[in-house]
Amino acid sequence: MRKSKPVVGFLFGCSQTISNNQSSLSTWHGRLHRPLLSLLQLLPSSSSISNAGLSVAKRGLCVYAAEQFSDDEYEGDFENNKASSSVANIDEWKWKLSLLLRSEKEQEIVSRDKRDRRDYEQISNLAKRMGLYSEIYGKVVVASRVPLPNYRPDLDDKRPQREVVVPLSLQRRVEGLLQEHLDRVQLSAGKVANGLDDAKSNDQVENVNLDENSDSFLDGSVMEKVLQRRSLRMRNMQRAWQESPEGKKMLGFRRSLPSFKEKERLLQAIAQNQVIVISGETGCGKTTQLPQYILESEIESGRGSFCSIICTQPRRISAMSVAERVSTERGEPLGETVGYKVRLEGMKGKNTHLLFCTSGILLRRLLSDHNLNGITHVFVDEIHERGMNEDFLLIVLKDLLTRRPDLRLVLMSATLNAELFSGYFGGAPTIHIPGFTHPVRARFLEDVLEITGYKLTSFNQIDDYGQEKMWKTQRQLAPRKRKNQITALVEDALNESSFENYSSRVRDSLASWMPDCIGFNLIEAVLCHICRKERPGAVLVFMTGWEDISCLRDQLKAHPLLGDPNRILLITCHGSMATSEQKLIFEKPPANVRKIVLATNMAEASITINDVVFVVDCGKAKETSYDALNNTPCLLPSWISQASARQRRGRAGRVQPGECYHLYPKCVYAAFSEYQLPELLRTPLNSLCLQIKSLQVGSIGSFLSAALQPPEPLAVQNAIDFLKMIGALDEKENLTNLGKFLSTLPVDPKLGKMLIMGAIFRCFDPVLTIVSGLSVRDPFLLPQDKKDLAGTAKSRFSAKDYSDHMALVRAYEGWKDAEREGSAYEYCWRNFLSAQTLQAIHSLRKQFSFILRDAGLVDADISINNRLSHNQSLVRAIICSGLFPGIASVVHRETSMSFKTMDDGQVFLYANSVNARYQTIPYPWLVFGEKVKVNTVFVRDSTGVSDSILILFGGALNHGVQAGHLKMLEGYVDFFMDPSLAECYTKLKEELDKLVKKKLEEPSLDMHKEGKYLMLAVQELVSGDQCEGRFVFGRESKKPRESNDSRFTKDGTNPKSLLQTLLMRAGHSPPKYKTKHLKTNEFRALVEFKGMQFVGKPKKNKQLAERDAAIEALAWLTHTSDNSRDEDDNSPPDVTDNMLKLLGKRRRSKRRSG
């Protein structure tokens, strides 16, 4: 047979797409008579059709191959319709994007055509001009009406899919245990607990008794007399202190503060208004004096014991230092009238009437006491920082004020943005307290370079992060492909500045300035200039975070001048520093020694270092931003706001005129935003949404819509979806029993779930350590000069368990043993561990244990909850249950491994993870608790888990269309296995979820007795899974019913050619086609052979219409009548009735056996 030469053209309007795979026509092969199979060999192979016209999935294009069998009158030159050039392709996209804009149903266009990848930049610009979004995912181009994420798993052809295999003997043992459990459940199903009515009546009696005993407390009049006597005693003590020499001296100092001039005005405003907003410059005394004025006034008027003041601070160090300062000014020991309460620490007593605490502590109190009973005044300090807890607190307090008209709320800010908060509270009055600060000279980068003579080059700006973070050092040398937040602002600002008043040396340096770098060498040069040429005074250096502080500190210690302890006192200041370290910051150094403090942005307003004369400002702060579209936190240095820059500058004028060295040009400062973006808009909202539901204030969305600046709806929905996924919320957004327990734990919801699961699965102790360790700073230290040794020490703790979390457990247990032996210091020094962090973990363990014991989830005999702590596989399962959905697939390549997550696609492991040191990981999955996007997405601490662990302790399972196909995370994770194994997994997980749910409903339930055989089955499966499965790629997760079109166009086969071949081989004439041009400007074709006619569907052109008519004819030929088959014949037909008619034969009847 003479082969035809196909002509390939592209036409619009075809709803079907053509696959370019090499699979056989299995649908056809099973239905054709075997002698006719040889006919298929005569058909053109799929390779004879141009690849350019195939695999155009979801593109709205199709392929037409003109054949010699078409009627001549309908032949056309389709070469002219090919959109092969970029110009034609863009014109085509203009038309398609216009249709997308007009469509009410369609949301996106998906194309796999290589021309679109070639022209993607032009397509992207076109979509942007039309108000659309575009993205390229590997070989797929997408244009959409809505914003697109960075990764789409549904378009990833290399998304890992898992074939699960477990030993058959293990499966049989697990099935036996599961069946034993099911039999016992069935037996006990009919045994309904007796005495429910009696129990209800007993509850009623107890309730009545409680009501009867409610009057057993002190009579109100008696209690009032007690409080009056206490108030009188407080007044006498206050007067005695104020009249003492020390008190008079302290009072003289307090009267010198700017806030004292406004005292009477402030007290009057607070008495007359329920809400008042106070702004005051740093150092005016608003934080230490205003709460004191209220307390002193109430004590002096004889109402001291009736007064109860809470003053919130954004950081624990602020609450502790301010409370200590105020108690000193009152001449009292800390913990008497004035106290503080922060996480894991506090000093307060029954006579405390002024409590300084963090915002989180007050929110915790609101969970149990919605009305703040007994509290008369609430001060919320540092509201200008717009922390998430502060913004959340404002919403709650605004709602509370309507129920507590006697409550007084005072909002305090260090910046002049009081109008924003005043408007939020319905026009509350504002008062500004002018601060007294000495003048501070601001020197920007151009001035710094002129004064110091320092010259910037492309190499002396590179920050050295040491060998362990060489990637971070090298990244500064790599050319930038895209503008980031740092460089974009700088380029635009520098383009508008000429610096004509500065020397050519300065202009050359500014031309070489690298804004992405912090500038360790430049900071060193500025500090040398200050120490050698400027007057005495402390120096405060603002850095982006602890990592930069530690690296700069190590560099300065190696300097001959700045590292000389006889001349320089080098101190660090950060949020998690110990109380003993805090005192060093405020103390004056010895004579002839200059104090240099390396601090984070917490030193802007939270603390005041009185002897600071010089400030060095790098202009950046490392903040967590939240990408709601990709559901990924991003930790990147970003420019600070102008308000923050002014705050930093003001730190230098406390005791004498000061100087501030801003290490960025003045034009860049002018481009800064005026205020910082609120934390509520740049962090995940999981914990916040859980707290909202626990406060019983309505729906999460409506509550957050009342915020000062409401967060993005997508961020709110992401948090709600997460809480539903872990089981904290039901489908109606109501708290489940698990959610109620989680709301009592001062920890992230996923860590709280891990803690609860560890308690009820009796492996509490290691999980308690893991959760406590993940709630504080990493205890594993990485000194810059010994990072290899530190990494090796951490790997020893891992013991090839492929788990950062298990390494943490062993490190803590070793520290406890060393502490008992009196060698804890040597142990920490030898293993590069932070004793301070380990002590914090120890304290947190106690706190969490007490909370769960009060909730009834931990027995008084703690050994009961640790009976399975030795089972490491079960501990891994509990880690998985808490960290889910933080999972990454581990796919081994020839020389490396790759890791993929659902939200981000390819991710990397942090260099200090123990799993980053291995060439291979025997587990198919890693679970992790935190991922951060720096430039790429990095996964922090991780633990390897098996398929069985993920299936049983991960998310909800759904069945695929195929037998043995299980899906998780909305189909992102596909498991393929033997159907019997899939049934075992499904039933086991279903029963396990029921048992856990029952335990949370009845905390006193002995789960291991109630579900003895079920728990044994779970332990058997998670311990026995040897990870013998494999990852596969591109496996079909479902097989939809094929349309006639797709059945007859596989492998590029032309249906007209196939019909022609079949008819001629059967001895018939070629088919005849007739085509009619419809009024709708479409074409409908009719094909005729052997006296039969078949009509196709209307199509855009004649050739497609003929193809469709041929498809209809082929569909008739391959149709089998059910009436021609025996009832008991379940075998697939190997020949069809209509095909026999075509050949002039009839079906041979089958004989029945017997």
Foldseek 3Di string as FASTA:
>chain_A
DDDDQWDKAKDADDPDAEAQDQDDLVVVQQQAFVVCVVLCVVFDFLVSDDPQQHPFPQARIHIFTDDPQADPVFDDDRVVRHQPDLVSVVVVLVVVVVVCVVDPPDFKGKTLRVSCVVNVVVSQVVLVVVCWHWDDEPRMIMIGNDYAFNDDLVPDQFQWFWAADFDPVLLVLLVVLLVVLVVVCVVCVPVDDPDPVVVVVVVVVVVVVCVVCPPVDDDPVVVVVVLLVVLLVLLVLQVVQCPDPVLVVLVVVVCVALVVVCLVVLVVLQVVDQEEEEEEAFRNCCLQPNVVSVLNVCSNVSNNSLAAEEEADAAPVLQVVSQCVNCVSSVHDEAACTWEDEPLDIRHDPRHRYYYYHLVVVLLVCLVVVQPPSHQEYEYEACQQQEPSSLLVVLSVLVNCVVPVRHHYYYYHHDPPRVLVCVLNPNHYYYYRYGDFAAAAEAEQLRLCVVLVDAAALPQLQQDLFDLVVVNSVVLVDDDPDDDQQRVLQVVLVVVDDPVVGDPRSVNRVVRDRLQGLRLPSVVSSVVCCLPPHDAFEEEEEDADDSVVQSSVVVLCPDPQSVDQVAEDEAEEERQDDPVSVVVQQDDDDPNHYYYYYYYLCDLRSDARQGAAEYEYSQWYFDWFADLSLRAIATEIHGAALVSVVSRSRSNGRPYYHYYYYHHDPSSNVSGHHGDDRVQAGDQCQLVLLSVLSSVPDHSVVSQVSGSDRYDVSSVVVNLVVCVFLPQAPPVRHGALLSNLQNSDPAGSLLSQLQLVLLLLLQRVLSLLLSLCVRDDNFQAQNSVCNVVLLVLLLVLCVLQQFSSSSSSSLLVVLVVCVVVVNNVVSCVNNRGDPSSSVSSVSSSVVVVVSCVVVLSADPPNNRSNVCSVLVLVSVLSNQLRQPPQKWFWADDPFATWTQHNSAGTEEENSSESNVPDRDRQAGMKGARHWYCHPHIYTYTIGGFHPLSCLQRYGDWDDFPDQQWIADPVRSHIYHYHNVSVVSSNSLSVVVVVLVSVCSVPVNDNSCVSSVSSSVSSSSVSNSRSRPMHIDGSDDRHDDDDDLVNSQCHSNGQLLVVQQSLLVVLPWDRWHKDWDQDPVRWIKMWIDTPHDIFIFDTHNRDSVNVSRSSSRVVVVQSDADPVVDDPPDPDRHSHHQNVCVSNVHGDDDDDDDD
